[in-house]
């Protein structure tokens, strides 16, 4: 455990609070060894995992999906470039869809807010008489339809 990090060091290096790191460990997203005094020690490779968790969360990936992805990587060593490539290839389509949705949100949001009514229920341009309610819940004009 010579080249290991304390929870404080991992927190400082990653920008993630110690409480969040303990939560990630509880969920099995990151792993720590314990010293004789029961203190956590993290391998430096955990920094990469924490960075992956942070950026994945920032683009809206659930912790369950992040855990599934991380479970495909080795825990005893740093993943190889090929292993990271395999993981990113598996997520490519999903991330592309998120990018498309974010683009639609960016492009459509100002048009909706631009009229000033701020209510799709009352909006006679986008949703007269709340007609979209018959199609189901949620943002019907922005979200893709249900998977068939």
Protein backbone atom coordinates (compact mmCIF):
# COMPACT_ATOMS: atom_id res chain seq x y z
CA UNK A 1 0.00 0.00 0.00
CA UNK A 2 3.04 2.22 -0.40
CA UNK A 3 1.70 3.96 -3.51
CA UNK A 4 -1.79 4.40 -2.09
CA UNK A 5 -3.87 7.45 -1.26
CA UNK A 6 -5.80 8.26 1.90
CA UNK A 7 -9.41 9.28 1.50
CA UNK A 8 -8.38 12.91 2.06
CA UNK A 9 -5.72 12.70 -0.65
CA UNK A 10 -8.14 11.04 -3.08
CA UNK A 11 -10.69 13.73 -2.28
CA UNK A 12 -8.16 16.53 -2.88
CA UNK A 13 -6.87 14.99 -6.11
CA UNK A 14 -10.30 14.13 -7.54
CA UNK A 15 -12.35 17.10 -6.34
CA UNK A 16 -14.92 14.71 -4.84
CA UNK A 17 -15.88 15.00 -1.19
CA UNK A 18 -14.82 12.27 1.21
CA UNK A 19 -18.48 11.48 1.94
CA UNK A 20 -19.14 10.95 -1.78
CA UNK A 21 -16.08 8.69 -2.01
CA UNK A 22 -17.37 6.61 0.89
CA UNK A 23 -20.74 6.40 -0.89
CA UNK A 24 -19.07 5.32 -4.15
CA UNK A 25 -17.21 2.66 -2.19
CA UNK A 26 -20.43 1.49 -0.53
CA UNK A 27 -21.98 1.13 -4.02
CA UNK A 28 -18.96 -0.82 -5.26
CA UNK A 29 -17.88 1.85 -7.74
CA UNK A 30 -14.44 2.25 -6.18
CA UNK A 31 -12.42 0.02 -3.89
CA UNK A 32 -10.17 0.60 -0.90
CA UNK A 33 -7.84 -1.56 1.10
CA UNK A 34 -7.82 -1.19 4.88
CA UNK A 35 -4.81 -0.61 7.09
CA UNK A 36 -4.29 -2.34 10.42
CA UNK A 37 -6.01 0.68 11.98
CA UNK A 38 -8.99 0.23 9.60
CA UNK A 39 -8.15 3.35 7.57
CA UNK A 40 -9.01 3.39 3.88
CA UNK A 41 -6.20 3.35 1.33
CA UNK A 42 -6.96 3.75 -2.36
CA UNK A 43 -4.76 2.68 -5.25
CA UNK A 44 -3.83 5.56 -7.53
CA UNK A 45 -5.80 3.85 -10.30
CA UNK A 46 -8.96 4.76 -8.37
CA UNK A 47 -8.41 8.38 -9.46
CA UNK A 48 -9.26 7.33 -13.02
CA UNK A 49 -12.40 5.54 -11.84
CA UNK A 50 -13.52 8.58 -9.82
CA UNK A 51 -12.95 10.86 -12.83
CA UNK A 52 -15.02 8.49 -14.97
CA UNK A 53 -17.81 8.51 -12.36
CA UNK A 54 -17.85 12.32 -12.15
CA UNK A 55 -17.99 12.96 -15.87
CA UNK A 56 -20.54 10.19 -16.42
CA UNK A 57 -22.81 11.67 -13.76
CA UNK A 58 -22.44 15.13 -15.27
CA UNK A 59 -23.83 13.87 -18.59
CA UNK A 60 -26.72 12.14 -16.85
CA UNK A 61 -25.59 8.53 -16.60
CA UNK A 62 -27.07 6.74 -13.59
CA UNK A 63 -24.85 5.28 -10.89
CA UNK A 64 -26.26 1.82 -11.70
CA UNK A 65 -25.12 2.16 -15.32
CA UNK A 66 -21.76 3.53 -14.21
CA UNK A 67 -21.31 0.55 -11.88
CA UNK A 68 -22.16 -1.86 -14.71
CA UNK A 69 -19.54 -0.21 -16.93
CA UNK A 70 -16.90 -0.18 -14.20
CA UNK A 71 -17.61 -3.83 -13.41
CA UNK A 72 -16.33 -4.63 -16.90
CA UNK A 73 -12.92 -3.17 -15.96
CA UNK A 74 -10.28 -4.82 -13.78
CA UNK A 75 -10.11 -3.74 -10.14
CA UNK A 76 -6.63 -5.08 -9.42
CA UNK A 77 -4.82 -2.76 -11.85
CA UNK A 78 -5.29 0.28 -14.05
CA UNK A 79 -7.35 -0.52 -17.15
CA UNK A 80 -5.50 -0.68 -20.44
CA UNK A 81 -6.24 1.67 -23.32
CA UNK A 82 -7.98 -1.21 -25.08
CA UNK A 83 -10.26 -1.79 -22.08
CA UNK A 84 -11.23 1.90 -21.92
CA UNK A 85 -11.83 1.84 -25.69
CA UNK A 86 -14.13 -1.17 -25.35
CA UNK A 87 -16.10 0.61 -22.64
CA UNK A 88 -16.36 3.86 -24.61
CA UNK A 89 -17.43 1.99 -27.75
CA UNK A 90 -20.23 0.35 -25.80
CA UNK A 91 -21.45 3.78 -24.65
CA UNK A 92 -20.96 5.62 -27.96
CA UNK A 93 -24.54 5.24 -29.25
CA UNK A 94 -26.01 6.15 -25.90
CA UNK A 95 -23.85 9.27 -25.60
CA UNK A 96 -24.65 10.26 -29.19
CA UNK A 97 -28.36 10.12 -28.31
CA UNK A 98 -27.75 12.30 -25.24
CA UNK A 99 -25.89 14.79 -27.44
CA UNK A 100 -28.84 14.87 -29.87
CA UNK A 101 -31.27 15.44 -26.98
CA UNK A 102 -29.12 18.21 -25.50
CA UNK A 103 -28.96 19.86 -28.93
CA UNK A 104 -32.74 19.75 -29.23
CA UNK A 105 -33.14 21.14 -25.73
CA UNK A 106 -30.69 23.94 -26.50
CA UNK A 107 -32.36 24.78 -29.80
CA UNK A 108 -35.99 24.47 -28.63
CA UNK A 109 -35.78 25.89 -25.12
CA UNK A 110 -35.23 29.49 -26.14
CA UNK A 111 -38.16 29.32 -28.58
CA UNK A 112 -40.50 28.14 -25.85
CA UNK A 113 -39.28 30.63 -23.28
CA UNK A 114 -39.16 33.35 -25.93
CA UNK A 115 -42.95 33.72 -26.07
CA UNK A 116 -43.07 34.53 -22.37
CA UNK A 117 -45.98 32.28 -21.37
CA UNK A 118 -43.72 29.60 -19.85
CA UNK A 119 -46.63 27.14 -19.94
CA UNK A 120 -47.07 24.41 -22.51
CA UNK A 121 -50.51 23.79 -21.02
CA UNK A 122 -51.65 27.28 -22.08
CA UNK A 123 -49.40 27.65 -25.11
CA UNK A 124 -51.51 27.94 -28.26
CA UNK A 125 -48.44 27.61 -30.47
CA UNK A 126 -46.78 24.43 -29.19
CA UNK A 127 -49.54 22.55 -27.38
CA UNK A 128 -53.05 23.93 -27.99
CA UNK A 129 -55.59 22.62 -25.46
CA UNK A 130 -52.88 20.39 -23.96
CA UNK A 131 -53.35 18.00 -26.88
CA UNK A 132 -50.00 16.34 -26.19
CA UNK A 133 -51.40 14.89 -22.97
CA UNK A 134 -53.05 12.17 -25.05
CA UNK A 135 -49.60 10.96 -26.15
CA UNK A 136 -48.40 10.28 -22.61
CA UNK A 137 -46.35 11.93 -19.87
CA UNK A 138 -43.18 13.94 -20.20
CA UNK A 139 -41.68 16.33 -22.69
CA UNK A 140 -43.43 14.97 -25.79
CA UNK A 141 -41.87 17.42 -28.26
CA UNK A 142 -38.30 16.90 -27.08
CA UNK A 143 -37.98 13.30 -25.89
CA UNK A 144 -37.91 10.46 -28.40
CA UNK A 145 -40.94 8.19 -28.49
CA UNK A 146 -41.03 4.95 -26.54
CA UNK A 147 -38.79 2.15 -27.79
CA UNK A 148 -40.74 -0.25 -29.98
